[in-house]
Amino acid sequence: MAQYVDARVSRRKFGREIREFRARAVDYRARGWFLVDASFPKCVIVMAAAQITPPAIVTGVAFDYTNYDAIPPSVQLVNPFTFEPYLAKDLPIRLDRDMTPENAAIQLPPGMPQPKFLQPYMQWQSPDEIPFLCIAGVREYHEHPAHSGDAWELHRASGAGRLIRLLTIISRYGPEAVSQYQSQVQLLARVVGFQVEAPREAQ
């Protein structure tokens, strides 16, 4: 995407995001967040599951702040080594949130069992396409036809596109939700994924 906003404005706002991250880099590193690239208008953060043994790198997250904040940043889950965006079929984690009626504040008739329903923040139509992060404050969310009634301008002043806010959401439903490795035993054991426990929605 071409930069049409005064580059000095976008660069200054991008710089603020990076400075705020670096100011608390020690705390974020303890959570498993590592800033590995920051060159205007893009940055990449590698996220690890620090709570499992041994800790595991789960995903990279690429941000593109071109034309920020006239438009929100683009956000993609990427391979943490190549920075290539994951296709839906290759996602290491879907950012599932627990939307069971109890957690979604939905009233069911007495005695009815609570169904388990996980809704991923990562959305896609085809397994061979690049999925998008379905959260207000993300460029792909606001450009999607299904969200035409939820314009970026409604969220811009609230800081919805801020780096730390988006990382916090991704971390909560991604790396922080990883509880253990999953393995398959053949001639040798190999890691094939992670066991994830979806965080409960705040009441």
C-alpha atoms as a PDB file:
ATOM      1  CA  MET A   1       0.000   0.000   0.000  1.00  0.00           C
ATOM      2  CA  ALA A   2       1.311   3.456  -0.913  1.00  0.00           C
ATOM      3  CA  GLN A   3       1.845   6.018   1.842  1.00  0.00           C
ATOM      4  CA  TYR A   4      -0.602   8.877   1.198  1.00  0.00           C
ATOM      5  CA  VAL A   5      -0.755  10.352   4.692  1.00  0.00           C
ATOM      6  CA  ASP A   6       2.063  12.774   5.546  1.00  0.00           C
ATOM      7  CA  ALA A   7       4.835  10.263   6.252  1.00  0.00           C
ATOM      8  CA  ARG A   8       6.130  12.392   9.119  1.00  0.00           C
ATOM      9  CA  VAL A   9       2.815  11.914  10.936  1.00  0.00           C
ATOM     10  CA  SER A  10       2.665   8.149  10.448  1.00  0.00           C
ATOM     11  CA  ARG A  11       6.347   7.781  11.270  1.00  0.00           C
ATOM     12  CA  ARG A  12       5.927   9.735  14.518  1.00  0.00           C
ATOM     13  CA  LYS A  13       2.963   7.597  15.590  1.00  0.00           C
ATOM     14  CA  PHE A  14       4.763   4.395  14.617  1.00  0.00           C
ATOM     15  CA  GLY A  15       7.756   5.540  16.643  1.00  0.00           C
ATOM     16  CA  ARG A  16       5.530   6.052  19.674  1.00  0.00           C
ATOM     17  CA  GLU A  17       4.327   2.436  19.457  1.00  0.00           C
ATOM     18  CA  ILE A  18       7.877   1.098  19.259  1.00  0.00           C
ATOM     19  CA  ARG A  19       9.151   3.310  22.091  1.00  0.00           C
ATOM     20  CA  GLU A  20       6.311   2.188  24.366  1.00  0.00           C
ATOM     21  CA  PHE A  21       7.151  -1.440  23.645  1.00  0.00           C
ATOM     22  CA  ARG A  22      10.863  -0.959  24.259  1.00  0.00           C
ATOM     23  CA  ALA A  23      10.220   0.927  27.496  1.00  0.00           C
ATOM     24  CA  ARG A  24       8.788  -2.273  28.963  1.00  0.00           C
ATOM     25  CA  ALA A  25      10.753  -4.774  26.914  1.00  0.00           C
ATOM     26  CA  VAL A  26      11.848  -6.728  30.008  1.00  0.00           C
ATOM     27  CA  ASP A  27       8.239  -7.244  31.117  1.00  0.00           C
ATOM     28  CA  TYR A  28       7.130  -8.221  27.622  1.00  0.00           C
ATOM     29  CA  ARG A  29      10.032 -10.628  27.240  1.00  0.00           C
ATOM     30  CA  ALA A  30       8.877 -12.376  30.418  1.00  0.00           C
ATOM     31  CA  ARG A  31       5.485 -12.821  28.737  1.00  0.00           C
ATOM     32  CA  GLY A  32       7.153 -14.283  25.664  1.00  0.00           C
ATOM     33  CA  TRP A  33       7.037 -11.197  23.398  1.00  0.00           C
ATOM     34  CA  PHE A  34      10.163 -10.368  21.385  1.00  0.00           C
ATOM     35  CA  LEU A  35      10.434  -7.385  19.052  1.00  0.00           C
ATOM     36  CA  VAL A  36      12.646  -8.733  16.258  1.00  0.00           C
ATOM     37  CA  ASP A  37      12.172  -6.114  13.550  1.00  0.00           C
ATOM     38  CA  ALA A  38      11.037  -2.496  13.554  1.00  0.00           C
ATOM     39  CA  SER A  39      11.525  -0.539  10.359  1.00  0.00           C
ATOM     40  CA  PHE A  40       8.862   2.046   9.544  1.00  0.00           C
ATOM     41  CA  PRO A  41       6.130   1.296   8.739  1.00  0.00           C
ATOM     42  CA  LYS A  42       6.440  -2.378   9.732  1.00  0.00           C
ATOM     43  CA  CYS A  43       7.386  -4.375  12.787  1.00  0.00           C
ATOM     44  CA  VAL A  44       7.387  -8.048  13.714  1.00  0.00           C
ATOM     45  CA  ILE A  45       6.947  -9.490  17.192  1.00  0.00           C
ATOM     46  CA  VAL A  46       7.696 -13.146  17.893  1.00  0.00           C
ATOM     47  CA  MET A  47       5.458 -14.635  20.576  1.00  0.00           C
ATOM     48  CA  ALA A  48       6.316 -17.645  22.725  1.00  0.00           C
ATOM     49  CA  ALA A  49       4.449 -19.761  25.263  1.00  0.00           C
ATOM     50  CA  ALA A  50       6.678 -18.993  28.237  1.00  0.00           C
ATOM     51  CA  GLN A  51       4.560 -21.023  30.665  1.00  0.00           C
ATOM     52  CA  ILE A  52       5.277 -24.485  29.230  1.00  0.00           C
ATOM     53  CA  THR A  53       8.472 -26.519  29.567  1.00  0.00           C
ATOM     54  CA  PRO A  54      10.458 -26.108  27.463  1.00  0.00           C
ATOM     55  CA  PRO A  55       9.059 -22.736  26.318  1.00  0.00           C
ATOM     56  CA  ALA A  56       7.918 -22.756  22.699  1.00  0.00           C
ATOM     57  CA  ILE A  57       7.870 -20.159  19.949  1.00  0.00           C
ATOM     58  CA  VAL A  58       4.227 -20.113  18.811  1.00  0.00           C
ATOM     59  CA  THR A  59       3.932 -17.466  16.097  1.00  0.00           C
ATOM     60  CA  GLY A  60       5.178 -14.235  14.675  1.00  0.00           C
ATOM     61  CA  VAL A  61       2.892 -11.206  14.370  1.00  0.00           C
ATOM     62  CA  ALA A  62       3.522  -8.679  11.597  1.00  0.00           C
ATOM     63  CA  PHE A  63       2.172  -5.132  11.863  1.00  0.00           C
ATOM     64  CA  ASP A  64       2.028  -2.629   9.007  1.00  0.00           C
ATOM     65  CA  TYR A  65       1.387   0.947  10.134  1.00  0.00           C
ATOM     66  CA  THR A  66       1.321   2.487   6.647  1.00  0.00           C
ATOM     67  CA  ASN A  67      -0.967   5.564   6.706  1.00  0.00           C
ATOM     68  CA  TYR A  68      -1.563   5.232  10.448  1.00  0.00           C
ATOM     69  CA  ASP A  69      -3.767   6.472  11.940  1.00  0.00           C
ATOM     70  CA  ALA A  70      -5.902   7.627   9.042  1.00  0.00           C
ATOM     71  CA  ILE A  71      -6.425   3.887   8.653  1.00  0.00           C
ATOM     72  CA  PRO A  72      -5.736   1.106  11.174  1.00  0.00           C
ATOM     73  CA  PRO A  73      -2.682  -1.147  11.037  1.00  0.00           C
ATOM     74  CA  SER A  74      -2.631  -4.385   9.096  1.00  0.00           C
ATOM     75  CA  VAL A  75      -2.001  -7.387  11.357  1.00  0.00           C
ATOM     76  CA  GLN A  76      -1.044 -10.897  10.231  1.00  0.00           C
ATOM     77  CA  LEU A  77       0.165 -14.044  11.944  1.00  0.00           C
ATOM     78  CA  VAL A  78       3.425 -14.956  10.238  1.00  0.00           C
ATOM     79  CA  ASN A  79       6.090 -17.638  10.326  1.00  0.00           C
ATOM     80  CA  PRO A  80       8.460 -16.365  13.034  1.00  0.00           C
ATOM     81  CA  PHE A  81      11.542 -17.336  10.998  1.00  0.00           C
ATOM     82  CA  THR A  82      10.604 -16.279   7.462  1.00  0.00           C
ATOM     83  CA  PHE A  83       7.965 -13.593   8.263  1.00  0.00           C
ATOM     84  CA  GLU A  84       5.748 -15.155   5.587  1.00  0.00           C
ATOM     85  CA  PRO A  85       2.013 -14.925   6.417  1.00  0.00           C
ATOM     86  CA  TYR A  86       0.444 -18.223   7.402  1.00  0.00           C
ATOM     87  CA  LEU A  87      -2.245 -19.716   5.215  1.00  0.00           C
ATOM     88  CA  ALA A  88      -5.325 -20.752   7.163  1.00  0.00           C
ATOM     89  CA  LYS A  89      -4.454 -24.436   6.841  1.00  0.00           C
ATOM     90  CA  ASP A  90      -1.013 -23.803   8.364  1.00  0.00           C
ATOM     91  CA  LEU A  91      -2.015 -21.644  11.334  1.00  0.00           C
ATOM     92  CA  PRO A  92      -0.235 -22.814  14.480  1.00  0.00           C
ATOM     93  CA  ILE A  93      -3.030 -21.323  16.579  1.00  0.00           C
ATOM     94  CA  ARG A  94      -6.493 -19.891  15.809  1.00  0.00           C
ATOM     95  CA  LEU A  95      -6.881 -17.542  18.799  1.00  0.00           C
ATOM     96  CA  ASP A  96      -9.976 -19.354  20.071  1.00  0.00           C
ATOM     97  CA  ARG A  97     -12.143 -17.614  22.631  1.00  0.00           C
ATOM     98  CA  ASP A  98     -14.624 -19.453  24.822  1.00  0.00           C
ATOM     99  CA  MET A  99     -18.118 -18.409  23.770  1.00  0.00           C
ATOM    100  CA  THR A 100     -20.129 -20.977  25.728  1.00  0.00           C
ATOM    101  CA  PRO A 101     -23.446 -19.456  26.828  1.00  0.00           C
ATOM    102  CA  GLU A 102     -22.200 -19.128  30.408  1.00  0.00           C
ATOM    103  CA  ASN A 103     -19.242 -17.011  29.375  1.00  0.00           C
ATOM    104  CA  ALA A 104     -21.164 -15.099  26.727  1.00  0.00           C
ATOM    105  CA  ALA A 105     -23.838 -14.108  29.279  1.00  0.00           C
ATOM    106  CA  ILE A 106     -26.567 -16.038  27.425  1.00  0.00           C
ATOM    107  CA  GLN A 107     -29.391 -17.406  29.553  1.00  0.00           C
ATOM    108  CA  LEU A 108     -30.367 -21.018  28.859  1.00  0.00           C
ATOM    109  CA  PRO A 109     -33.434 -22.807  30.283  1.00  0.00           C
ATOM    110  CA  PRO A 110     -32.763 -24.491  33.662  1.00  0.00           C
ATOM    111  CA  GLY A 111     -31.298 -27.953  33.327  1.00  0.00           C
ATOM    112  CA  MET A 112     -30.102 -27.478  29.755  1.00  0.00           C
ATOM    113  CA  PRO A 113     -26.461 -28.571  29.380  1.00  0.00           C
ATOM    114  CA  GLN A 114     -23.932 -25.929  28.537  1.00  0.00           C
ATOM    115  CA  PRO A 115     -22.615 -26.521  24.989  1.00  0.00           C
ATOM    116  CA  LYS A 116     -18.946 -25.777  24.335  1.00  0.00           C
ATOM    117  CA  PHE A 117     -18.457 -23.208  21.604  1.00  0.00           C
ATOM    118  CA  LEU A 118     -15.090 -21.801  20.584  1.00  0.00           C
ATOM    119  CA  GLN A 119     -14.963 -18.852  18.215  1.00  0.00           C
ATOM    120  CA  PRO A 120     -11.586 -18.087  16.608  1.00  0.00           C
ATOM    121  CA  TYR A 121     -10.426 -14.516  16.206  1.00  0.00           C
ATOM    122  CA  MET A 122      -8.646 -15.686  13.037  1.00  0.00           C
ATOM    123  CA  GLN A 123     -11.172 -15.874  10.181  1.00  0.00           C
ATOM    124  CA  TRP A 124     -11.000 -17.269   6.640  1.00  0.00           C
ATOM    125  CA  GLN A 125     -13.162 -18.607   3.825  1.00  0.00           C
ATOM    126  CA  SER A 126     -10.708 -21.086   2.309  1.00  0.00           C
ATOM    127  CA  PRO A 127      -7.866 -23.064   3.908  1.00  0.00           C
ATOM    128  CA  ASP A 128      -5.568 -21.812   1.147  1.00  0.00           C
ATOM    129  CA  GLU A 129      -6.072 -18.112   1.855  1.00  0.00           C
ATOM    130  CA  ILE A 130      -4.372 -15.822   4.348  1.00  0.00           C
ATOM    131  CA  PRO A 131      -6.686 -15.482   7.362  1.00  0.00           C
ATOM    132  CA  PHE A 132      -7.425 -12.133   8.966  1.00  0.00           C
ATOM    133  CA  LEU A 133      -7.585 -11.037  12.578  1.00  0.00           C
ATOM    134  CA  CYS A 134     -11.235 -10.278  13.280  1.00  0.00           C
ATOM    135  CA  ILE A 135     -10.819  -7.497  15.839  1.00  0.00           C
ATOM    136  CA  ALA A 136     -11.809  -3.844  15.657  1.00  0.00           C
ATOM    137  CA  GLY A 137      -8.676  -1.766  15.207  1.00  0.00           C
ATOM    138  CA  VAL A 138      -7.235  -4.054  12.522  1.00  0.00           C
ATOM    139  CA  ARG A 139      -7.210  -2.950   8.866  1.00  0.00           C
ATOM    140  CA  GLU A 140      -8.437  -6.290   7.520  1.00  0.00           C
ATOM    141  CA  TYR A 141     -11.388  -6.243   9.929  1.00  0.00           C
ATOM    142  CA  HIS A 142     -12.556  -2.788   8.884  1.00  0.00           C
ATOM    143  CA  GLU A 143     -12.048  -3.512   5.174  1.00  0.00           C
ATOM    144  CA  HIS A 144     -14.168  -6.671   5.317  1.00  0.00           C
ATOM    145  CA  PRO A 145     -17.677  -6.218   3.824  1.00  0.00           C
ATOM    146  CA  ALA A 146     -19.265  -7.869   6.851  1.00  0.00           C
ATOM    147  CA  HIS A 147     -18.014  -5.012   9.058  1.00  0.00           C
ATOM    148  CA  SER A 148     -19.061  -2.081   6.907  1.00  0.00           C
ATOM    149  CA  GLY A 149     -21.186  -0.785   9.786  1.00  0.00           C
ATOM    150  CA  ASP A 150     -18.254  -0.729  12.199  1.00  0.00           C
ATOM    151  CA  ALA A 151     -16.028   1.960  10.724  1.00  0.00           C
ATOM    152  CA  TRP A 152     -12.491   2.640  11.909  1.00  0.00           C
ATOM    153  CA  GLU A 153     -13.537   6.172  12.802  1.00  0.00           C
ATOM    154  CA  LEU A 154     -15.706   4.743  15.587  1.00  0.00           C
ATOM    155  CA  HIS A 155     -12.633   3.195  17.243  1.00  0.00           C
ATOM    156  CA  ARG A 156      -9.772   5.469  16.225  1.00  0.00           C
ATOM    157  CA  ALA A 157      -9.859   7.778  19.253  1.00  0.00           C
ATOM    158  CA  SER A 158      -9.984   4.850  21.688  1.00  0.00           C
ATOM    159  CA  GLY A 159      -6.560   3.547  20.657  1.00  0.00           C
ATOM    160  CA  ALA A 160      -7.956   0.384  19.082  1.00  0.00           C
ATOM    161  CA  GLY A 161      -5.013   0.173  16.674  1.00  0.00           C
ATOM    162  CA  ARG A 162      -2.304   0.502  19.329  1.00  0.00           C
ATOM    163  CA  LEU A 163       0.423  -2.119  19.249  1.00  0.00           C
ATOM    164  CA  ILE A 164       0.271  -3.182  22.902  1.00  0.00           C
ATOM    165  CA  ARG A 165      -3.528  -3.472  22.887  1.00  0.00           C
ATOM    166  CA  LEU A 166      -3.492  -5.813  19.891  1.00  0.00           C
ATOM    167  CA  LEU A 167      -0.564  -7.847  21.214  1.00  0.00           C
ATOM    168  CA  THR A 168      -2.368  -8.313  24.520  1.00  0.00           C
ATOM    169  CA  ILE A 169      -5.402  -9.803  22.788  1.00  0.00           C
ATOM    170  CA  ILE A 170      -3.327 -12.050  20.534  1.00  0.00           C
ATOM    171  CA  SER A 171      -1.226 -13.224  23.473  1.00  0.00           C
ATOM    172  CA  ARG A 172      -4.205 -14.006  25.698  1.00  0.00           C
ATOM    173  CA  TYR A 173      -5.941 -16.201  23.142  1.00  0.00           C
ATOM    174  CA  GLY A 174      -2.749 -17.516  21.563  1.00  0.00           C
ATOM    175  CA  PRO A 175       0.529 -18.221  23.386  1.00  0.00           C
ATOM    176  CA  GLU A 176      -0.867 -17.728  26.901  1.00  0.00           C
ATOM    177  CA  ALA A 177      -3.594 -20.297  26.182  1.00  0.00           C
ATOM    178  CA  VAL A 178      -1.105 -23.028  25.259  1.00  0.00           C
ATOM    179  CA  SER A 179      -1.083 -25.622  28.032  1.00  0.00           C
ATOM    180  CA  GLN A 180       1.154 -28.387  26.674  1.00  0.00           C
ATOM    181  CA  TYR A 181       2.720 -30.001  23.644  1.00  0.00           C
ATOM    182  CA  GLN A 182       0.878 -32.596  21.577  1.00  0.00           C
ATOM    183  CA  SER A 183       2.965 -35.426  20.143  1.00  0.00           C
ATOM    184  CA  GLN A 184       2.556 -38.373  17.814  1.00  0.00           C
ATOM    185  CA  VAL A 185       4.592 -41.497  18.477  1.00  0.00           C
ATOM    186  CA  GLN A 186       5.979 -43.269  15.418  1.00  0.00           C
ATOM    187  CA  LEU A 187       9.597 -44.434  15.293  1.00  0.00           C
ATOM    188  CA  LEU A 188      10.392 -41.174  17.036  1.00  0.00           C
ATOM    189  CA  ALA A 189       8.148 -38.787  18.916  1.00  0.00           C
ATOM    190  CA  ARG A 190       7.590 -35.496  17.150  1.00  0.00           C
ATOM    191  CA  VAL A 191       5.724 -32.342  18.150  1.00  0.00           C
ATOM    192  CA  VAL A 192       2.649 -31.788  15.973  1.00  0.00           C
ATOM    193  CA  GLY A 193       0.926 -28.916  17.752  1.00  0.00           C
ATOM    194  CA  PHE A 194      -0.091 -27.420  21.041  1.00  0.00           C
ATOM    195  CA  GLN A 195      -2.831 -28.232  23.521  1.00  0.00           C
ATOM    196  CA  VAL A 196      -4.805 -25.016  23.919  1.00  0.00           C
ATOM    197  CA  GLU A 197      -7.253 -24.013  26.598  1.00  0.00           C
ATOM    198  CA  ALA A 198      -9.469 -21.145  25.475  1.00  0.00           C
ATOM    199  CA  PRO A 199      -9.535 -18.281  27.979  1.00  0.00           C
ATOM    200  CA  ARG A 200     -12.911 -17.562  29.492  1.00  0.00           C
ATOM    201  CA  GLU A 201     -14.501 -14.282  28.473  1.00  0.00           C
ATOM    202  CA  ALA A 202     -14.520 -11.646  31.171  1.00  0.00           C
ATOM    203  CA  GLN A 203     -17.905 -11.266  32.801  1.00  0.00           C
END
